[in-house]
Each structure stands twice: as structure tokens, then as C-alpha cells.
Amino acid sequence: MKSFEWTVVDSPVGPLLLAATDRGLVNVVFHADEQVRDAAVRRLAARLGAAPVGVSAAAIPPAGWLAEPVRQITAYFAGGLTEFSLPLDWSLSGGFNREVLRRLADDVPYGTVVGYGELASRVDRPGGAQAVGAAMGSNPLPVVVACHRVVETDGRLGGFGGGLEAKRRLLALEGVLPEPLF
């Protein structure tokens, strides 16, 4: 039977669940307390048709599927990584959503933002800002595929699956917004 590995890492935006298959990082989940973690692992097992293998973040084997994702996420939050170079397993995303997320990953670098409408134009969907918003909401790989970099045309933050405070913190980490005072 196929399997996937998962772990939870601490971050400045709260605990993150990372899950990987033999093809790459497949899922990042915000607010991964015990209840969220357990539900996410059950959903992943069902969607992937694979058995979950939990791995302690402190005991990930150097050649394990999670070793590089954990290293890069940790480096990103420490301010030492501005571009993820991970193999990604896109099996949780398809069609238009996958197209938008790939364009985001390829075209919107660290420290920049793009409007929902502009991103829609980049995938040849002028007027498709709401569809792009839905694609951002479906992102199975937040932080790594940086949907926090997509904002409203007027500069407002817009929505974010991890919560607006997490979006603010991620944009502050990347120098787009000032660091919160408290």
C-alpha cells in the first residue's frame, strides 16, 4: 500500500503540518493542533488512498521525504531562504486551480505581491479575480506556494486560509509589510 509521511513543525505563524509522498511535498496545514492535525491526516489518507506515517520533527531521517521540506521551512522562517526548491506533489490540486497555483509559484517571488485580478490576467482569465481567489483558498501547499502574496487590487490583504494575522506575519517576514509591534 502507498503511504505518506507527516510531521508538525513549530513556526512563527503557529504549528504547521507538513505531509509528503514519494513524489514530493503534498500538503501544508495551518493551526495544526492535535484536533486539526488528526482531521487533516484522515482527510489526506482518504484523498491519497495512502497510509499515514507520522514522524517526529526531531527524528526525521536525513533521506526521508520530509527532511528537505522541514529544513527549507525552518530556513524560510529564520529569514535564510527566499525561494523554495522542493519537489511538489500536485495530486491535491487540478485544473484551473493547479494552473493558477503553478503560475503563482513561478511568477511571484519572495518580497512581492500580486493582485487577484493581475494573477487572473496572467493565466489568460481577465476578469477572473474571484476564480483566482477560489484557487488560493484551495491551495494545498500554502507558505511554499505563497498564496499569502496575493492581495486585493486596492492593496487590502484579502482573505487567507491561515487567517489574516498569519498573512500579515508572512508578508512582514518577506519585507512587504512592517513587523507587527506586538
N, C-alpha and C. Protein backbone atom coordinates (compact mmCIF):
# COMPACT_ATOMS: atom_id res chain seq x y z
N MET A 1 0.84 -1.20 0.00
CA MET A 1 0.00 0.00 0.00
C MET A 1 0.88 1.24 0.00
N LYS A 2 0.42 2.25 -0.72
CA LYS A 2 1.11 3.54 -0.72
C LYS A 2 1.03 4.16 0.67
N SER A 3 1.99 5.05 0.92
CA SER A 3 1.96 5.76 2.20
C SER A 3 2.39 7.21 1.97
N PHE A 4 2.17 8.01 3.00
CA PHE A 4 2.69 9.37 3.03
C PHE A 4 3.21 9.63 4.43
N GLU A 5 4.21 10.48 4.53
CA GLU A 5 4.78 10.86 5.83
C GLU A 5 4.24 12.22 6.23
N TRP A 6 4.06 12.41 7.52
CA TRP A 6 3.63 13.72 8.01
C TRP A 6 4.34 14.03 9.32
N THR A 7 4.46 15.32 9.59
CA THR A 7 5.03 15.80 10.84
C THR A 7 4.44 17.17 11.13
N VAL A 8 4.65 17.66 12.33
CA VAL A 8 4.23 19.00 12.70
C VAL A 8 5.47 19.77 13.13
N VAL A 9 5.64 20.97 12.56
CA VAL A 9 6.76 21.83 12.92
C VAL A 9 6.22 23.13 13.51
N ASP A 10 6.94 23.68 14.46
CA ASP A 10 6.58 24.97 15.03
C ASP A 10 7.05 26.07 14.08
N SER A 11 6.28 27.15 14.03
CA SER A 11 6.65 28.28 13.19
C SER A 11 6.11 29.55 13.84
N PRO A 12 6.56 30.71 13.37
CA PRO A 12 6.04 31.97 13.90
C PRO A 12 4.55 32.19 13.62
N VAL A 13 3.95 31.40 12.73
CA VAL A 13 2.52 31.51 12.46
C VAL A 13 1.77 30.34 13.08
N GLY A 14 2.41 29.64 14.01
CA GLY A 14 1.77 28.51 14.68
C GLY A 14 2.24 27.18 14.11
N PRO A 15 1.76 26.09 14.70
CA PRO A 15 2.19 24.78 14.23
C PRO A 15 1.70 24.50 12.81
N LEU A 16 2.60 23.96 11.99
CA LEU A 16 2.27 23.61 10.61
C LEU A 16 2.42 22.10 10.44
N LEU A 17 1.42 21.47 9.86
CA LEU A 17 1.54 20.07 9.48
C LEU A 17 2.13 20.04 8.07
N LEU A 18 3.18 19.26 7.90
CA LEU A 18 3.77 19.04 6.58
C LEU A 18 3.55 17.58 6.23
N ALA A 19 3.13 17.31 5.01
CA ALA A 19 2.94 15.94 4.55
C ALA A 19 3.63 15.78 3.20
N ALA A 20 4.26 14.61 3.02
CA ALA A 20 5.00 14.36 1.78
C ALA A 20 4.76 12.93 1.32
N THR A 21 4.79 12.76 0.01
CA THR A 21 4.75 11.44 -0.61
C THR A 21 6.10 11.19 -1.26
N ASP A 22 6.22 10.08 -1.93
CA ASP A 22 7.47 9.80 -2.64
C ASP A 22 7.67 10.75 -3.82
N ARG A 23 6.63 11.52 -4.19
CA ARG A 23 6.75 12.49 -5.30
C ARG A 23 7.09 13.89 -4.82
N GLY A 24 6.90 14.17 -3.52
CA GLY A 24 7.23 15.50 -3.01
C GLY A 24 6.28 15.96 -1.92
N LEU A 25 6.46 17.20 -1.51
CA LEU A 25 5.59 17.80 -0.50
C LEU A 25 4.19 17.88 -1.09
N VAL A 26 3.21 17.39 -0.33
CA VAL A 26 1.85 17.32 -0.85
C VAL A 26 0.89 18.24 -0.10
N ASN A 27 1.21 18.59 1.15
CA ASN A 27 0.27 19.39 1.93
C ASN A 27 0.97 20.14 3.05
N VAL A 28 0.52 21.37 3.28
CA VAL A 28 0.91 22.18 4.42
C VAL A 28 -0.39 22.65 5.05
N VAL A 29 -0.54 22.44 6.35
CA VAL A 29 -1.78 22.78 7.04
C VAL A 29 -1.47 23.70 8.22
N PHE A 30 -2.16 24.85 8.27
CA PHE A 30 -2.01 25.80 9.37
C PHE A 30 -2.72 25.31 10.62
N HIS A 31 -2.34 25.91 11.76
CA HIS A 31 -3.03 25.71 13.04
C HIS A 31 -3.12 24.23 13.41
N ALA A 32 -2.03 23.50 13.22
CA ALA A 32 -2.03 22.04 13.35
C ALA A 32 -1.93 21.58 14.80
N ASP A 33 -2.92 22.02 15.61
CA ASP A 33 -3.01 21.45 16.94
C ASP A 33 -3.50 20.00 16.78
N GLU A 34 -3.67 19.30 17.86
CA GLU A 34 -4.00 17.87 17.78
C GLU A 34 -5.28 17.60 16.99
N GLN A 35 -6.31 18.39 17.23
CA GLN A 35 -7.58 18.18 16.54
C GLN A 35 -7.46 18.43 15.04
N VAL A 36 -6.85 19.55 14.66
CA VAL A 36 -6.67 19.88 13.25
C VAL A 36 -5.76 18.85 12.58
N ARG A 37 -4.68 18.50 13.27
CA ARG A 37 -3.74 17.52 12.73
C ARG A 37 -4.43 16.20 12.45
N ASP A 38 -5.18 15.67 13.42
CA ASP A 38 -5.83 14.38 13.24
C ASP A 38 -6.82 14.40 12.08
N ALA A 39 -7.60 15.48 11.97
CA ALA A 39 -8.57 15.59 10.88
C ALA A 39 -7.85 15.70 9.53
N ALA A 40 -6.77 16.47 9.48
CA ALA A 40 -6.02 16.63 8.23
C ALA A 40 -5.40 15.31 7.79
N VAL A 41 -4.85 14.56 8.72
CA VAL A 41 -4.22 13.28 8.38
C VAL A 41 -5.29 12.30 7.86
N ARG A 42 -6.47 12.28 8.48
CA ARG A 42 -7.56 11.41 7.99
C ARG A 42 -7.98 11.81 6.58
N ARG A 43 -8.15 13.12 6.35
CA ARG A 43 -8.54 13.59 5.01
C ARG A 43 -7.49 13.22 3.97
N LEU A 44 -6.22 13.43 4.32
CA LEU A 44 -5.15 13.09 3.38
C LEU A 44 -5.13 11.61 3.06
N ALA A 45 -5.27 10.78 4.07
CA ALA A 45 -5.28 9.33 3.85
C ALA A 45 -6.39 8.94 2.88
N ALA A 46 -7.55 9.53 3.06
CA ALA A 46 -8.68 9.24 2.17
C ALA A 46 -8.44 9.76 0.76
N ARG A 47 -7.98 11.01 0.64
CA ARG A 47 -7.78 11.60 -0.69
C ARG A 47 -6.64 10.96 -1.46
N LEU A 48 -5.57 10.58 -0.74
CA LEU A 48 -4.41 9.99 -1.41
C LEU A 48 -4.53 8.48 -1.54
N GLY A 49 -5.45 7.89 -0.81
CA GLY A 49 -5.55 6.42 -0.80
C GLY A 49 -4.26 5.82 -0.28
N ALA A 50 -3.73 6.42 0.79
CA ALA A 50 -2.42 6.03 1.31
C ALA A 50 -2.45 5.99 2.83
N ALA A 51 -1.57 5.20 3.39
CA ALA A 51 -1.46 5.07 4.84
C ALA A 51 -0.58 6.18 5.39
N PRO A 52 -1.02 6.85 6.47
CA PRO A 52 -0.20 7.90 7.07
C PRO A 52 0.91 7.33 7.95
N VAL A 53 2.07 7.94 7.88
CA VAL A 53 3.20 7.57 8.73
C VAL A 53 3.66 8.84 9.43
N GLY A 54 3.36 8.94 10.72
CA GLY A 54 3.77 10.10 11.49
C GLY A 54 5.23 10.01 11.86
N VAL A 55 5.93 11.14 11.73
CA VAL A 55 7.35 11.20 12.03
C VAL A 55 7.60 12.41 12.93
N SER A 56 8.29 12.23 14.02
CA SER A 56 8.64 13.35 14.88
C SER A 56 9.56 14.29 14.11
N ALA A 57 9.30 15.59 14.21
CA ALA A 57 10.14 16.58 13.51
C ALA A 57 11.60 16.47 13.95
N ALA A 58 11.83 16.00 15.18
CA ALA A 58 13.20 15.87 15.69
C ALA A 58 13.87 14.58 15.22
N ALA A 59 13.09 13.66 14.66
CA ALA A 59 13.65 12.35 14.30
C ALA A 59 13.48 12.01 12.83
N ILE A 60 13.36 13.02 11.98
CA ILE A 60 13.18 12.75 10.55
C ILE A 60 14.49 12.23 9.98
N PRO A 61 14.44 11.08 9.32
CA PRO A 61 15.68 10.56 8.72
C PRO A 61 16.20 11.50 7.64
N PRO A 62 17.52 11.64 7.53
CA PRO A 62 18.10 12.57 6.54
C PRO A 62 17.64 12.30 5.11
N ALA A 63 17.34 11.05 4.78
CA ALA A 63 16.89 10.72 3.43
C ALA A 63 15.37 10.60 3.34
N GLY A 64 14.67 10.92 4.43
CA GLY A 64 13.20 10.82 4.44
C GLY A 64 12.55 11.87 3.56
N TRP A 65 11.31 11.63 3.23
CA TRP A 65 10.57 12.53 2.35
C TRP A 65 10.38 13.91 2.97
N LEU A 66 10.42 13.99 4.29
CA LEU A 66 10.17 15.27 4.96
C LEU A 66 11.44 16.05 5.30
N ALA A 67 12.59 15.44 5.13
CA ALA A 67 13.84 16.09 5.56
C ALA A 67 14.04 17.45 4.91
N GLU A 68 13.94 17.50 3.61
CA GLU A 68 14.18 18.77 2.92
C GLU A 68 13.04 19.77 3.14
N PRO A 69 11.77 19.35 3.09
CA PRO A 69 10.72 20.32 3.41
C PRO A 69 10.88 20.95 4.80
N VAL A 70 11.20 20.15 5.81
CA VAL A 70 11.38 20.70 7.16
C VAL A 70 12.58 21.64 7.18
N ARG A 71 13.66 21.26 6.53
CA ARG A 71 14.85 22.12 6.50
C ARG A 71 14.53 23.46 5.84
N GLN A 72 13.85 23.41 4.70
CA GLN A 72 13.57 24.64 3.97
C GLN A 72 12.54 25.52 4.67
N ILE A 73 11.50 24.93 5.24
CA ILE A 73 10.50 25.72 6.00
C ILE A 73 11.19 26.41 7.18
N THR A 74 12.04 25.67 7.88
CA THR A 74 12.76 26.24 9.02
C THR A 74 13.65 27.40 8.57
N ALA A 75 14.37 27.21 7.47
CA ALA A 75 15.24 28.27 6.94
C ALA A 75 14.43 29.48 6.49
N TYR A 76 13.28 29.25 5.88
CA TYR A 76 12.41 30.35 5.44
C TYR A 76 12.01 31.20 6.64
N PHE A 77 11.52 30.57 7.69
CA PHE A 77 11.07 31.33 8.86
C PHE A 77 12.23 31.97 9.62
N ALA A 78 13.43 31.46 9.46
CA ALA A 78 14.60 32.07 10.09
C ALA A 78 15.15 33.23 9.24
N GLY A 79 14.55 33.47 8.07
CA GLY A 79 14.99 34.56 7.21
C GLY A 79 16.14 34.19 6.29
N GLY A 80 16.48 32.92 6.22
CA GLY A 80 17.62 32.50 5.42
C GLY A 80 17.27 31.85 4.09
N LEU A 81 16.00 31.82 3.73
CA LEU A 81 15.59 31.19 2.47
C LEU A 81 14.54 32.07 1.82
N THR A 82 14.76 32.42 0.56
CA THR A 82 13.80 33.27 -0.15
C THR A 82 13.13 32.55 -1.31
N GLU A 83 13.56 31.34 -1.60
CA GLU A 83 12.95 30.58 -2.70
C GLU A 83 12.98 29.10 -2.35
N PHE A 84 11.81 28.50 -2.31
CA PHE A 84 11.74 27.06 -2.05
C PHE A 84 12.14 26.30 -3.31
N SER A 85 12.88 25.23 -3.11
CA SER A 85 13.29 24.38 -4.24
C SER A 85 12.98 22.93 -3.86
N LEU A 86 11.71 22.67 -3.70
CA LEU A 86 11.25 21.36 -3.27
C LEU A 86 10.49 20.67 -4.39
N PRO A 87 10.61 19.36 -4.49
CA PRO A 87 9.67 18.67 -5.38
C PRO A 87 8.28 18.76 -4.74
N LEU A 88 7.29 19.07 -5.56
CA LEU A 88 5.92 19.20 -5.07
C LEU A 88 5.04 18.12 -5.70
N ASP A 89 4.21 17.52 -4.89
CA ASP A 89 3.22 16.56 -5.36
C ASP A 89 1.92 17.33 -5.51
N TRP A 90 1.49 17.56 -6.74
CA TRP A 90 0.32 18.38 -7.04
C TRP A 90 -0.96 17.56 -7.06
N SER A 91 -0.96 16.36 -6.53
CA SER A 91 -2.13 15.49 -6.66
C SER A 91 -3.37 16.00 -5.93
N LEU A 92 -3.25 16.97 -5.04
CA LEU A 92 -4.42 17.51 -4.34
C LEU A 92 -5.00 18.73 -5.05
N SER A 93 -4.47 19.07 -6.19
CA SER A 93 -4.94 20.23 -6.94
C SER A 93 -5.02 19.86 -8.41
N GLY A 94 -6.00 20.41 -9.10
CA GLY A 94 -6.12 20.09 -10.52
C GLY A 94 -6.74 21.24 -11.30
N GLY A 95 -6.75 21.10 -12.60
CA GLY A 95 -7.41 22.03 -13.50
C GLY A 95 -6.96 23.47 -13.33
N PHE A 96 -7.93 24.37 -13.34
CA PHE A 96 -7.66 25.81 -13.24
C PHE A 96 -6.91 26.14 -11.96
N ASN A 97 -7.31 25.54 -10.85
CA ASN A 97 -6.65 25.83 -9.57
C ASN A 97 -5.17 25.52 -9.65
N ARG A 98 -4.82 24.37 -10.20
CA ARG A 98 -3.40 23.99 -10.32
C ARG A 98 -2.67 24.96 -11.24
N GLU A 99 -3.31 25.34 -12.34
CA GLU A 99 -2.69 26.28 -13.28
C GLU A 99 -2.37 27.61 -12.57
N VAL A 100 -3.32 28.13 -11.80
CA VAL A 100 -3.13 29.40 -11.09
C VAL A 100 -2.03 29.25 -10.05
N LEU A 101 -2.05 28.17 -9.29
CA LEU A 101 -1.05 27.97 -8.24
C LEU A 101 0.35 27.81 -8.82
N ARG A 102 0.47 27.12 -9.93
CA ARG A 102 1.79 26.99 -10.57
C ARG A 102 2.29 28.33 -11.08
N ARG A 103 1.39 29.12 -11.66
CA ARG A 103 1.79 30.45 -12.14
C ARG A 103 2.23 31.32 -10.96
N LEU A 104 1.49 31.25 -9.86
CA LEU A 104 1.88 31.98 -8.65
C LEU A 104 3.27 31.56 -8.21
N ALA A 105 3.51 30.26 -8.14
CA ALA A 105 4.81 29.75 -7.70
C ALA A 105 5.94 30.21 -8.63
N ASP A 106 5.66 30.26 -9.91
CA ASP A 106 6.69 30.61 -10.90
C ASP A 106 6.92 32.11 -11.04
N ASP A 107 5.86 32.92 -10.86
CA ASP A 107 5.90 34.33 -11.26
C ASP A 107 5.91 35.35 -10.14
N VAL A 108 5.67 34.94 -8.90
CA VAL A 108 5.54 35.94 -7.83
C VAL A 108 6.59 35.63 -6.76
N PRO A 109 7.77 36.25 -6.88
CA PRO A 109 8.87 35.90 -5.98
C PRO A 109 8.71 36.49 -4.57
N TYR A 110 9.54 36.00 -3.71
CA TYR A 110 9.66 36.46 -2.32
C TYR A 110 9.72 37.99 -2.28
N GLY A 111 8.98 38.57 -1.36
CA GLY A 111 9.04 40.01 -1.16
C GLY A 111 8.20 40.82 -2.13
N THR A 112 7.37 40.15 -2.93
CA THR A 112 6.49 40.86 -3.85
C THR A 112 5.06 40.40 -3.63
N VAL A 113 4.13 41.18 -4.14
CA VAL A 113 2.72 40.79 -4.10
C VAL A 113 2.12 40.99 -5.49
N VAL A 114 0.99 40.36 -5.70
CA VAL A 114 0.25 40.49 -6.95
C VAL A 114 -1.24 40.56 -6.59
N GLY A 115 -2.00 41.29 -7.38
CA GLY A 115 -3.44 41.36 -7.16
C GLY A 115 -4.13 40.14 -7.74
N TYR A 116 -5.30 39.82 -7.19
CA TYR A 116 -6.08 38.69 -7.71
C TYR A 116 -6.36 38.88 -9.19
N GLY A 117 -6.75 40.10 -9.59
CA GLY A 117 -7.06 40.37 -10.99
C GLY A 117 -5.85 40.24 -11.89
N GLU A 118 -4.70 40.72 -11.42
CA GLU A 118 -3.46 40.60 -12.21
C GLU A 118 -3.09 39.14 -12.41
N LEU A 119 -3.22 38.35 -11.36
CA LEU A 119 -2.90 36.92 -11.49
C LEU A 119 -3.88 36.25 -12.45
N ALA A 120 -5.15 36.67 -12.42
CA ALA A 120 -6.13 36.13 -13.37
C ALA A 120 -5.70 36.45 -14.81
N SER A 121 -5.23 37.67 -15.04
CA SER A 121 -4.76 38.04 -16.39
C SER A 121 -3.57 37.20 -16.81
N ARG A 122 -2.70 36.87 -15.87
CA ARG A 122 -1.51 36.08 -16.19
C ARG A 122 -1.85 34.65 -16.60
N VAL A 123 -3.04 34.18 -16.24
CA VAL A 123 -3.46 32.84 -16.68
C VAL A 123 -4.57 32.96 -17.74
N ASP A 124 -4.56 34.10 -18.44
CA ASP A 124 -5.50 34.35 -19.53
C ASP A 124 -6.96 34.26 -19.10
N ARG A 125 -7.25 34.78 -17.93
CA ARG A 125 -8.63 34.85 -17.42
C ARG A 125 -8.94 36.26 -16.94
N PRO A 126 -8.81 37.27 -17.82
CA PRO A 126 -9.13 38.62 -17.37
C PRO A 126 -10.54 38.64 -16.79
N GLY A 127 -10.70 39.33 -15.69
CA GLY A 127 -12.00 39.35 -15.02
C GLY A 127 -12.22 38.16 -14.11
N GLY A 128 -11.22 37.31 -13.98
CA GLY A 128 -11.36 36.10 -13.18
C GLY A 128 -10.80 36.20 -11.77
N ALA A 129 -10.84 37.40 -11.19
CA ALA A 129 -10.26 37.58 -9.85
C ALA A 129 -10.91 36.67 -8.82
N GLN A 130 -12.23 36.51 -8.88
CA GLN A 130 -12.90 35.64 -7.91
C GLN A 130 -12.47 34.19 -8.08
N ALA A 131 -12.30 33.74 -9.31
CA ALA A 131 -11.85 32.37 -9.55
C ALA A 131 -10.43 32.18 -9.01
N VAL A 132 -9.60 33.22 -9.15
CA VAL A 132 -8.25 33.15 -8.58
C VAL A 132 -8.34 33.09 -7.06
N GLY A 133 -9.24 33.85 -6.47
CA GLY A 133 -9.44 33.79 -5.03
C GLY A 133 -9.83 32.39 -4.58
N ALA A 134 -10.69 31.74 -5.33
CA ALA A 134 -11.09 30.37 -5.01
C ALA A 134 -9.89 29.42 -5.14
N ALA A 135 -9.05 29.65 -6.14
CA ALA A 135 -7.85 28.82 -6.31
C ALA A 135 -6.91 29.00 -5.12
N MET A 136 -6.78 30.25 -4.64
CA MET A 136 -5.92 30.49 -3.47
C MET A 136 -6.49 29.76 -2.26
N GLY A 137 -7.80 29.76 -2.11
CA GLY A 137 -8.44 29.08 -1.00
C GLY A 137 -8.29 27.58 -1.05
N SER A 138 -8.04 27.04 -2.23
CA SER A 138 -7.89 25.60 -2.39
C SER A 138 -6.43 25.15 -2.29
N ASN A 139 -5.51 26.09 -2.11
CA ASN A 139 -4.08 25.79 -2.13
C ASN A 139 -3.70 24.75 -1.08
N PRO A 140 -3.24 23.57 -1.51
CA PRO A 140 -2.83 22.56 -0.53
C PRO A 140 -1.41 22.78 0.00
N LEU A 141 -0.71 23.78 -0.54
CA LEU A 141 0.71 23.99 -0.20
C LEU A 141 1.01 25.43 0.21
N PRO A 142 0.18 26.01 1.11
CA PRO A 142 0.46 27.40 1.49
C PRO A 142 1.85 27.53 2.11
N VAL A 143 2.35 28.71 2.12
CA VAL A 143 3.70 29.11 2.51
C VAL A 143 4.66 28.75 1.38
N VAL A 144 4.72 27.50 0.96
CA VAL A 144 5.63 27.07 -0.11
C VAL A 144 5.13 27.60 -1.45
N VAL A 145 3.87 27.41 -1.76
CA VAL A 145 3.23 28.05 -2.91
C VAL A 145 2.51 29.24 -2.28
N ALA A 146 3.13 30.39 -2.38
CA ALA A 146 2.89 31.53 -1.50
C ALA A 146 1.63 32.32 -1.80
N CYS A 147 0.47 31.74 -1.50
CA CYS A 147 -0.79 32.44 -1.73
C CYS A 147 -0.93 33.67 -0.83
N HIS A 148 -0.09 33.77 0.20
CA HIS A 148 -0.12 34.98 1.03
C HIS A 148 0.35 36.21 0.24
N ARG A 149 0.98 36.01 -0.91
CA ARG A 149 1.46 37.12 -1.73
C ARG A 149 0.38 37.68 -2.65
N VAL A 150 -0.82 37.12 -2.61
CA VAL A 150 -1.90 37.59 -3.47
C VAL A 150 -2.81 38.50 -2.63
N VAL A 151 -2.97 39.73 -3.10
CA VAL A 151 -3.73 40.74 -2.35
C VAL A 151 -4.79 41.36 -3.26
N GLU A 152 -5.66 42.13 -2.65
CA GLU A 152 -6.69 42.81 -3.43
C GLU A 152 -6.06 43.97 -4.21
N THR A 153 -6.69 44.35 -5.28
CA THR A 153 -6.17 45.39 -6.16
C THR A 153 -5.94 46.71 -5.43
N ASP A 154 -6.79 47.01 -4.45
CA ASP A 154 -6.65 48.27 -3.72
C ASP A 154 -5.63 48.19 -2.59
N GLY A 155 -4.91 47.06 -2.51
CA GLY A 155 -3.87 46.92 -1.51
C GLY A 155 -4.30 46.24 -0.22
N ARG A 156 -5.61 46.04 -0.03
CA ARG A 156 -6.05 45.31 1.16
C ARG A 156 -5.57 43.88 1.07
N LEU A 157 -5.45 43.24 2.22
CA LEU A 157 -4.89 41.89 2.26
C LEU A 157 -5.74 40.85 1.57
N GLY A 158 -7.05 40.98 1.62
CA GLY A 158 -7.91 39.93 1.08
C GLY A 158 -7.97 38.78 2.07
N GLY A 159 -8.45 37.66 1.64
CA GLY A 159 -8.60 36.51 2.53
C GLY A 159 -7.32 35.68 2.63
N PHE A 160 -7.38 34.71 3.53
CA PHE A 160 -6.24 33.79 3.68
C PHE A 160 -6.66 32.62 4.55
N GLY A 161 -6.45 31.41 4.06
CA GLY A 161 -6.85 30.22 4.78
C GLY A 161 -6.20 30.08 6.15
N GLY A 162 -5.02 30.61 6.31
CA GLY A 162 -4.32 30.53 7.60
C GLY A 162 -4.71 31.65 8.55
N GLY A 163 -5.59 32.56 8.09
CA GLY A 163 -6.01 33.69 8.89
C GLY A 163 -5.23 34.94 8.52
N LEU A 164 -5.85 36.08 8.68
CA LEU A 164 -5.21 37.34 8.27
C LEU A 164 -3.97 37.65 9.09
N GLU A 165 -3.94 37.28 10.35
CA GLU A 165 -2.74 37.53 11.16
C GLU A 165 -1.54 36.75 10.60
N ALA A 166 -1.77 35.51 10.19
CA ALA A 166 -0.69 34.71 9.58
C ALA A 166 -0.24 35.36 8.27
N LYS A 167 -1.19 35.85 7.47
CA LYS A 167 -0.84 36.50 6.21
C LYS A 167 0.01 37.74 6.49
N ARG A 168 -0.39 38.54 7.48
CA ARG A 168 0.40 39.72 7.85
C ARG A 168 1.81 39.33 8.26
N ARG A 169 1.92 38.31 9.08
CA ARG A 169 3.24 37.88 9.56
C ARG A 169 4.12 37.38 8.41
N LEU A 170 3.54 36.62 7.49
CA LEU A 170 4.32 36.13 6.34
C LEU A 170 4.78 37.28 5.47
N LEU A 171 3.90 38.24 5.21
CA LEU A 171 4.29 39.39 4.40
C LEU A 171 5.30 40.27 5.12
N ALA A 172 5.21 40.35 6.44
CA ALA A 172 6.22 41.10 7.21
C ALA A 172 7.56 40.38 7.15
N LEU A 173 7.56 39.06 7.27
CA LEU A 173 8.80 38.28 7.16
C LEU A 173 9.49 38.56 5.83
N GLU A 174 8.69 38.71 4.77
CA GLU A 174 9.25 38.94 3.44
C GLU A 174 9.51 40.42 3.16
N GLY A 175 9.26 41.29 4.14
CA GLY A 175 9.56 42.71 3.98
C GLY A 175 8.51 43.51 3.23
N VAL A 176 7.37 42.93 2.97
CA VAL A 176 6.30 43.64 2.26
C VAL A 176 5.55 44.55 3.21
N LEU A 177 5.36 44.11 4.44
CA LEU A 177 4.69 44.88 5.48
C LEU A 177 5.65 45.09 6.63
N PRO A 178 5.43 46.12 7.44
CA PRO A 178 6.28 46.28 8.64
C PRO A 178 5.98 45.18 9.64
N GLU A 179 6.97 44.84 10.46
CA GLU A 179 6.77 43.85 11.52
C GLU A 179 5.73 44.37 12.50
N PRO A 180 4.86 43.49 12.97
CA PRO A 180 3.89 43.92 13.99
C PRO A 180 4.62 44.41 15.24
N LEU A 181 4.04 45.41 15.89
CA LEU A 181 4.67 45.95 17.10
C LEU A 181 4.48 45.02 18.29
N PHE A 182 3.45 44.21 18.27
CA PHE A 182 3.21 43.29 19.38
C PHE A 182 2.48 42.08 18.90
